[in-house]
């Protein structure tokens, strides 16, 4: 990432140095995941759509510890693997909106709340800004080479309400709390970076 673009990483010290943690990342461009993997202070294991694991990219993604997920169903194997990452004290990366979009955390799926409440791992919000502002003329769909991309880490927070409940209502309430925190972090990151 540092060879192709100019990442500016802010607040990486907010990621706990040890123990399980979930990085909740906005997603507006294909390079958001690789950008975070290349700039995060700890190795990140992302849940990535199974369609990306084709050709030579598949063994590469598996080799660097990324997790294949079928987004069309409740993928039990992916859920078990992701919880295993957290139980082992690792870092799980999630795009809480489930797919690329505006990158504004406007419509969250319940998966992030489930992993956070089930594992008890704190969530660190991450805003990747500048990846979709301009397109390169050399490689369509990518930001211009050597352009600046900001990666802004926020303060860690707990998703649960402290009751330990894992009901559908508890997960829905956690999702609302998470969405508020992620939206506030994104707004702060935009002010901080001027984007």
Protein backbone atom coordinates (compact mmCIF):
# COMPACT_ATOMS: atom_id res chain seq x y z
CA UNK A 1 0.00 0.00 0.00
CA UNK A 2 2.80 2.41 0.85
CA UNK A 3 4.44 1.75 -2.51
CA UNK A 4 1.34 2.51 -4.57
CA UNK A 5 -0.40 5.24 -2.57
CA UNK A 6 0.40 7.61 0.28
CA UNK A 7 -1.50 6.29 3.28
CA UNK A 8 -1.80 8.67 6.20
CA UNK A 9 -2.59 6.63 9.31
CA UNK A 10 -4.12 8.43 12.27
CA UNK A 11 -4.93 6.96 15.69
CA UNK A 12 -3.44 3.48 15.17
CA UNK A 13 -2.46 3.56 18.86
CA UNK A 14 -6.19 3.19 19.63
CA UNK A 15 -6.10 -0.46 18.52
CA UNK A 16 -5.48 -2.58 21.64
CA UNK A 17 -1.97 -4.06 21.48
CA UNK A 18 -3.19 -7.50 22.54
CA UNK A 19 -6.43 -9.42 22.90
CA UNK A 20 -9.44 -9.78 20.66
CA UNK A 21 -10.67 -6.74 18.77
CA UNK A 22 -13.00 -6.06 15.86
CA UNK A 23 -12.11 -3.38 13.31
CA UNK A 24 -15.34 -2.01 11.78
CA UNK A 25 -14.40 -0.39 8.47
CA UNK A 26 -16.42 1.73 6.05
CA UNK A 27 -16.38 0.33 2.54
CA UNK A 28 -16.65 2.46 -0.58
CA UNK A 29 -13.81 1.04 -2.66
CA UNK A 30 -12.03 -2.25 -3.45
CA UNK A 31 -8.77 -1.09 -1.87
CA UNK A 32 -10.32 -0.35 1.56
CA UNK A 33 -9.62 -3.85 2.92
CA UNK A 34 -6.08 -4.15 1.54
CA UNK A 35 -5.35 -0.59 2.69
CA UNK A 36 -6.36 -1.47 6.25
CA UNK A 37 -4.44 -4.76 6.17
CA UNK A 38 -1.34 -2.87 5.02
CA UNK A 39 -1.57 -0.10 7.61
CA UNK A 40 -3.09 -1.66 10.75
CA UNK A 41 -0.76 -2.15 13.73
CA UNK A 42 -1.78 -5.83 14.03
CA UNK A 43 -2.56 -8.56 11.49
CA UNK A 44 -6.21 -8.41 10.42
CA UNK A 45 -8.43 -11.34 9.39
CA UNK A 46 -11.26 -10.08 7.18
CA UNK A 47 -14.50 -11.77 6.30
CA UNK A 48 -14.35 -11.60 2.49
CA UNK A 49 -17.01 -12.70 0.00
CA UNK A 50 -16.33 -16.16 -1.38
CA UNK A 51 -16.41 -14.81 -4.94
CA UNK A 52 -13.04 -13.12 -4.29
CA UNK A 53 -11.37 -16.49 -3.66
CA UNK A 54 -11.04 -17.40 -7.34
CA UNK A 55 -7.93 -18.08 -9.39
CA UNK A 56 -4.54 -17.30 -7.85
CA UNK A 57 -6.11 -14.76 -5.48
CA UNK A 58 -7.84 -17.55 -3.52
CA UNK A 59 -4.72 -19.29 -2.19
CA UNK A 60 -3.11 -15.90 -1.53
CA UNK A 61 -6.06 -14.68 0.56
CA UNK A 62 -6.18 -17.96 2.49
CA UNK A 63 -2.41 -17.83 2.98
CA UNK A 64 -2.59 -14.42 4.66
CA UNK A 65 -5.41 -15.56 6.96
CA UNK A 66 -8.49 -14.08 5.31
CA UNK A 67 -11.85 -15.78 5.87
CA UNK A 68 -14.17 -16.85 3.06
CA UNK A 69 -17.87 -16.09 3.62
CA UNK A 70 -20.98 -16.96 1.64
CA UNK A 71 -23.08 -13.79 1.84
CA UNK A 72 -26.21 -15.52 0.49
CA UNK A 73 -26.77 -17.62 3.62
CA UNK A 74 -25.86 -17.88 7.29
CA UNK A 75 -22.39 -19.32 6.66
CA UNK A 76 -21.77 -21.38 9.82
CA UNK A 77 -18.19 -22.25 8.86
CA UNK A 78 -17.28 -18.57 8.40
CA UNK A 79 -18.99 -17.62 11.67
CA UNK A 80 -17.07 -20.34 13.52
CA UNK A 81 -13.77 -19.27 11.95
CA UNK A 82 -14.38 -15.60 12.79
CA UNK A 83 -15.25 -16.39 16.40
CA UNK A 84 -12.11 -18.56 16.50
CA UNK A 85 -9.99 -15.56 15.48
CA UNK A 86 -11.45 -13.57 18.38
CA UNK A 87 -11.19 -16.45 20.87
CA UNK A 88 -7.52 -16.71 19.92
CA UNK A 89 -6.98 -13.03 20.74
CA UNK A 90 -6.81 -11.93 17.10
CA UNK A 91 -8.14 -9.03 15.07
CA UNK A 92 -11.28 -9.51 12.99
CA UNK A 93 -11.99 -7.01 10.22
CA UNK A 94 -15.60 -6.44 9.19
CA UNK A 95 -17.33 -4.23 6.66
CA UNK A 96 -20.51 -3.75 8.70
CA UNK A 97 -22.57 -2.72 5.68
CA UNK A 98 -21.85 -6.10 4.13
CA UNK A 99 -20.77 -4.76 0.75
CA UNK A 100 -19.32 -1.73 -0.99
CA UNK A 101 -21.52 1.34 -1.01
CA UNK A 102 -21.31 4.96 0.01
CA UNK A 103 -19.06 4.04 2.93
CA UNK A 104 -21.21 6.05 5.32
CA UNK A 105 -22.33 3.28 7.72
CA UNK A 106 -25.95 4.11 6.77
CA UNK A 107 -27.29 0.55 6.67
CA UNK A 108 -25.60 -1.92 8.97
CA UNK A 109 -26.20 -5.63 8.95
CA UNK A 110 -26.44 -7.44 12.28
CA UNK A 111 -23.24 -9.49 11.84
CA UNK A 112 -20.99 -6.96 13.56
CA UNK A 113 -23.26 -6.79 16.61
CA UNK A 114 -23.43 -10.59 16.73
CA UNK A 115 -19.63 -11.02 16.75
CA UNK A 116 -19.11 -8.20 19.26
CA UNK A 117 -21.81 -9.31 21.69
CA UNK A 118 -21.02 -13.02 21.36
CA UNK A 119 -17.24 -12.60 21.82
CA UNK A 120 -17.20 -9.58 24.12
CA UNK A 121 -14.46 -8.10 21.90
CA UNK A 122 -14.29 -4.31 21.69
CA UNK A 123 -14.98 -2.58 18.38
CA UNK A 124 -12.56 -0.04 16.91
CA UNK A 125 -14.19 2.07 14.20
CA UNK A 126 -12.03 2.74 11.15
CA UNK A 127 -12.66 5.29 8.41
CA UNK A 128 -10.82 4.88 5.10
CA UNK A 129 -11.13 8.19 3.28
CA UNK A 130 -9.96 9.22 -0.17
CA UNK A 131 -10.06 5.79 -1.77
CA UNK A 132 -13.08 6.65 -3.91
CA UNK A 133 -12.74 10.40 -4.39
CA UNK A 134 -10.94 10.33 -7.73
CA UNK A 135 -10.31 7.62 -10.26
CA UNK A 136 -7.00 6.91 -11.93
CA UNK A 137 -6.65 7.17 -15.67
CA UNK A 138 -4.08 4.37 -15.62
CA UNK A 139 -6.06 1.73 -13.73
CA UNK A 140 -9.81 2.20 -13.92
CA UNK A 141 -11.59 1.98 -10.61
CA UNK A 142 -8.53 2.71 -8.45
CA UNK A 143 -7.49 5.99 -6.88
CA UNK A 144 -4.59 7.64 -8.73
CA UNK A 145 -1.25 6.11 -7.84
CA UNK A 146 0.65 8.04 -5.16
CA UNK A 147 -2.53 9.86 -4.06
CA UNK A 148 -3.23 10.22 -0.35
CA UNK A 149 -5.60 7.84 1.40
CA UNK A 150 -6.42 8.48 5.06
CA UNK A 151 -6.95 5.60 7.49
CA UNK A 152 -8.40 6.93 10.75
CA UNK A 153 -8.81 4.67 13.80
CA UNK A 154 -11.33 5.65 16.48
CA UNK A 155 -11.73 4.87 20.16
CA UNK A 156 -12.55 1.28 21.10
CA UNK A 157 -16.02 0.67 22.54
CA UNK A 158 -18.18 -2.21 23.78
CA UNK A 159 -21.27 -3.07 21.75
CA UNK A 160 -23.26 -4.84 24.43
CA UNK A 161 -25.32 -3.20 27.13
CA UNK A 162 -23.52 -5.06 29.91
CA UNK A 163 -26.36 -7.52 30.50
CA UNK A 164 -24.78 -10.39 28.55
CA UNK A 165 -28.05 -10.88 26.63
CA UNK A 166 -27.77 -12.36 23.13
CA UNK A 167 -31.41 -12.15 22.08
CA UNK A 168 -32.57 -10.72 18.76
CA UNK A 169 -33.71 -7.58 20.61
CA UNK A 170 -30.31 -7.21 22.29
CA UNK A 171 -28.55 -7.55 18.93
CA UNK A 172 -30.89 -5.01 17.31
CA UNK A 173 -30.22 -2.55 20.16
CA UNK A 174 -26.47 -3.19 19.85
CA UNK A 175 -26.65 -2.55 16.09
CA UNK A 176 -28.28 0.85 16.74
CA UNK A 177 -25.57 1.75 19.29
CA UNK A 178 -22.84 0.61 16.90
CA UNK A 179 -24.29 2.59 14.00
CA UNK A 180 -24.34 5.75 16.12
CA UNK A 181 -20.72 5.29 17.19
CA UNK A 182 -19.51 4.47 13.66
CA UNK A 183 -21.38 7.42 12.17
CA UNK A 184 -19.92 9.78 14.79
CA UNK A 185 -16.41 8.44 14.12
CA UNK A 186 -16.80 8.92 10.37
CA UNK A 187 -17.92 12.52 10.87
CA UNK A 188 -14.96 13.16 13.22
CA UNK A 189 -12.54 11.55 10.73
CA UNK A 190 -13.83 13.74 7.91
CA UNK A 191 -13.38 16.87 10.03
CA UNK A 192 -9.90 15.77 11.10
CA UNK A 193 -8.72 15.02 7.55
CA UNK A 194 -10.64 17.75 5.73
CA UNK A 195 -12.30 15.20 3.42
